[in-house]
């Protein structure tokens, strides 16, 4: 994961199911309500936040 290119999110705000993991590898601020630049979630976690955030703007991999 260290070489997965996640460092490009260092100054971004991200939403992650595993905050410690993603926070460590990106160096990003992990928060749910500040216009995130990245969502790193399972399908069920994404469904859970969909009522509160327009998730259609993000691409899935």
N, C-alpha and C. Protein backbone atom coordinates (compact mmCIF):
# COMPACT_ATOMS: atom_id res chain seq x y z
N UNK A 1 0.82 -1.20 0.00
CA UNK A 1 0.00 0.00 0.00
C UNK A 1 0.86 1.26 0.00
N UNK A 2 2.04 1.17 0.54
CA UNK A 2 2.88 2.36 0.62
C UNK A 2 3.15 2.96 -0.77
N UNK A 3 3.18 2.13 -1.81
CA UNK A 3 3.50 2.60 -3.15
C UNK A 3 2.27 2.61 -4.05
N UNK A 4 1.10 2.69 -3.48
CA UNK A 4 -0.15 2.66 -4.25
C UNK A 4 -0.56 4.04 -4.76
N UNK A 5 0.22 5.08 -4.50
CA UNK A 5 -0.12 6.41 -4.97
C UNK A 5 -1.06 7.16 -4.06
N UNK A 6 -1.30 6.66 -2.87
CA UNK A 6 -2.24 7.31 -1.96
C UNK A 6 -1.71 8.61 -1.37
N UNK A 7 -0.41 8.86 -1.49
CA UNK A 7 0.15 10.08 -0.93
C UNK A 7 -0.40 11.33 -1.61
N UNK A 8 -1.00 11.18 -2.80
CA UNK A 8 -1.58 12.34 -3.47
C UNK A 8 -2.77 12.91 -2.69
N UNK A 9 -3.27 12.16 -1.72
CA UNK A 9 -4.39 12.62 -0.89
C UNK A 9 -3.92 13.22 0.43
N UNK A 10 -2.62 13.47 0.58
CA UNK A 10 -2.07 13.96 1.84
C UNK A 10 -2.77 15.22 2.34
N UNK A 11 -3.05 16.16 1.48
CA UNK A 11 -3.70 17.40 1.89
C UNK A 11 -5.20 17.41 1.62
N UNK A 12 -5.74 16.23 1.31
CA UNK A 12 -7.17 16.11 1.03
C UNK A 12 -7.91 15.67 2.28
N UNK A 13 -9.21 15.76 2.22
CA UNK A 13 -10.07 15.20 3.25
C UNK A 13 -10.66 13.93 2.68
N UNK A 14 -10.57 12.84 3.43
CA UNK A 14 -11.07 11.56 2.94
C UNK A 14 -12.03 10.94 3.93
N UNK A 15 -12.86 10.05 3.44
CA UNK A 15 -13.75 9.23 4.27
C UNK A 15 -13.27 7.81 4.12
N UNK A 16 -13.05 7.13 5.25
CA UNK A 16 -12.51 5.79 5.20
C UNK A 16 -13.15 4.90 6.25
N UNK A 17 -13.38 3.65 5.87
CA UNK A 17 -13.90 2.68 6.82
C UNK A 17 -12.85 2.30 7.85
N UNK A 18 -11.59 2.28 7.46
CA UNK A 18 -10.49 1.98 8.37
C UNK A 18 -9.64 3.24 8.49
N UNK A 19 -10.02 4.10 9.41
CA UNK A 19 -9.41 5.42 9.54
C UNK A 19 -7.90 5.34 9.78
N UNK A 20 -7.46 4.47 10.65
CA UNK A 20 -6.04 4.38 10.96
C UNK A 20 -5.22 3.96 9.75
N UNK A 21 -5.69 2.97 9.03
CA UNK A 21 -4.99 2.46 7.86
C UNK A 21 -4.86 3.53 6.79
N UNK A 22 -5.98 4.12 6.42
CA UNK A 22 -5.97 5.12 5.35
C UNK A 22 -5.27 6.40 5.80
N UNK A 23 -5.48 6.80 7.05
CA UNK A 23 -4.78 7.97 7.56
C UNK A 23 -3.27 7.80 7.52
N UNK A 24 -2.81 6.62 7.86
CA UNK A 24 -1.37 6.34 7.86
C UNK A 24 -0.79 6.39 6.45
N UNK A 25 -1.43 5.73 5.51
CA UNK A 25 -0.88 5.63 4.16
C UNK A 25 -1.10 6.87 3.31
N UNK A 26 -2.06 7.71 3.64
CA UNK A 26 -2.28 8.93 2.86
C UNK A 26 -1.74 10.16 3.56
N UNK A 27 -1.73 10.16 4.88
CA UNK A 27 -1.37 11.37 5.62
C UNK A 27 -2.49 12.39 5.56
N UNK A 28 -3.66 11.98 5.10
CA UNK A 28 -4.79 12.89 4.91
C UNK A 28 -5.57 13.10 6.20
N UNK A 29 -6.36 14.16 6.20
CA UNK A 29 -7.32 14.40 7.27
C UNK A 29 -8.51 13.49 6.98
N UNK A 30 -8.85 12.62 7.92
CA UNK A 30 -9.95 11.70 7.72
C UNK A 30 -11.16 12.24 8.47
N UNK A 31 -12.16 12.67 7.70
CA UNK A 31 -13.34 13.33 8.26
C UNK A 31 -14.52 13.11 7.32
N UNK A 32 -15.72 13.17 7.86
CA UNK A 32 -16.89 12.83 7.05
C UNK A 32 -17.65 13.99 6.45
N UNK A 33 -17.46 15.19 6.87
CA UNK A 33 -18.33 16.26 6.38
C UNK A 33 -17.61 17.44 5.76
N UNK A 34 -16.42 17.27 5.31
CA UNK A 34 -15.67 18.40 4.77
C UNK A 34 -15.30 18.23 3.31
N UNK A 35 -16.26 17.96 2.45
CA UNK A 35 -16.01 17.81 1.02
C UNK A 35 -14.85 16.86 0.73
N UNK A 36 -15.03 15.58 0.99
CA UNK A 36 -13.93 14.63 0.82
C UNK A 36 -13.45 14.52 -0.62
N UNK A 37 -12.17 14.26 -0.77
CA UNK A 37 -11.58 14.03 -2.08
C UNK A 37 -11.47 12.56 -2.41
N UNK A 38 -11.67 11.70 -1.41
CA UNK A 38 -11.54 10.26 -1.59
C UNK A 38 -12.48 9.55 -0.62
N UNK A 39 -13.14 8.52 -1.12
CA UNK A 39 -13.92 7.62 -0.27
C UNK A 39 -13.24 6.26 -0.35
N UNK A 40 -12.87 5.70 0.78
CA UNK A 40 -12.23 4.39 0.81
C UNK A 40 -13.11 3.52 1.69
N UNK A 41 -14.17 2.97 1.10
CA UNK A 41 -15.23 2.29 1.84
C UNK A 41 -15.65 1.00 1.17
N UNK A 42 -16.25 0.12 1.95
CA UNK A 42 -16.89 -1.06 1.37
C UNK A 42 -18.23 -0.62 0.77
N UNK A 43 -18.84 -1.50 0.02
CA UNK A 43 -20.14 -1.19 -0.59
C UNK A 43 -21.18 -0.89 0.48
N UNK A 44 -21.20 -1.65 1.55
CA UNK A 44 -22.20 -1.41 2.60
C UNK A 44 -21.92 -0.10 3.34
N UNK A 45 -20.65 0.25 3.55
CA UNK A 45 -20.33 1.53 4.19
C UNK A 45 -20.74 2.69 3.29
N UNK A 46 -20.52 2.54 1.98
CA UNK A 46 -20.92 3.57 1.03
C UNK A 46 -22.43 3.77 1.05
N UNK A 47 -23.18 2.67 1.12
CA UNK A 47 -24.64 2.76 1.20
C UNK A 47 -25.06 3.50 2.47
N UNK A 48 -24.32 3.31 3.53
CA UNK A 48 -24.65 3.96 4.80
C UNK A 48 -24.47 5.47 4.78
N UNK A 49 -23.49 5.96 4.02
CA UNK A 49 -23.29 7.41 3.99
C UNK A 49 -24.02 8.09 2.84
N UNK A 50 -24.52 7.31 1.89
CA UNK A 50 -25.19 7.87 0.71
C UNK A 50 -26.33 8.84 1.05
N UNK A 51 -27.11 8.63 2.12
CA UNK A 51 -28.14 9.61 2.43
C UNK A 51 -27.59 10.97 2.88
N UNK A 52 -26.33 11.03 3.23
CA UNK A 52 -25.74 12.25 3.78
C UNK A 52 -24.74 12.93 2.86
N UNK A 53 -24.31 12.21 1.82
CA UNK A 53 -23.28 12.71 0.92
C UNK A 53 -23.58 12.24 -0.49
N UNK A 54 -23.44 13.12 -1.47
CA UNK A 54 -23.65 12.73 -2.86
C UNK A 54 -22.47 11.87 -3.32
N UNK A 55 -22.65 10.56 -3.26
CA UNK A 55 -21.56 9.64 -3.57
C UNK A 55 -21.43 9.37 -5.06
N UNK A 56 -22.35 9.85 -5.87
CA UNK A 56 -22.30 9.61 -7.32
C UNK A 56 -21.11 10.28 -7.98
N UNK A 57 -20.54 11.28 -7.34
CA UNK A 57 -19.41 12.00 -7.93
C UNK A 57 -18.09 11.22 -7.83
N UNK A 58 -18.09 10.12 -7.09
CA UNK A 58 -16.88 9.33 -6.88
C UNK A 58 -16.91 8.07 -7.76
N UNK A 59 -15.75 7.66 -8.21
CA UNK A 59 -15.62 6.46 -9.04
C UNK A 59 -15.24 5.28 -8.17
N UNK A 60 -15.78 4.12 -8.49
CA UNK A 60 -15.43 2.93 -7.71
C UNK A 60 -14.35 2.14 -8.43
N UNK A 61 -13.56 1.43 -7.66
CA UNK A 61 -12.51 0.57 -8.21
C UNK A 61 -12.62 -0.79 -7.63
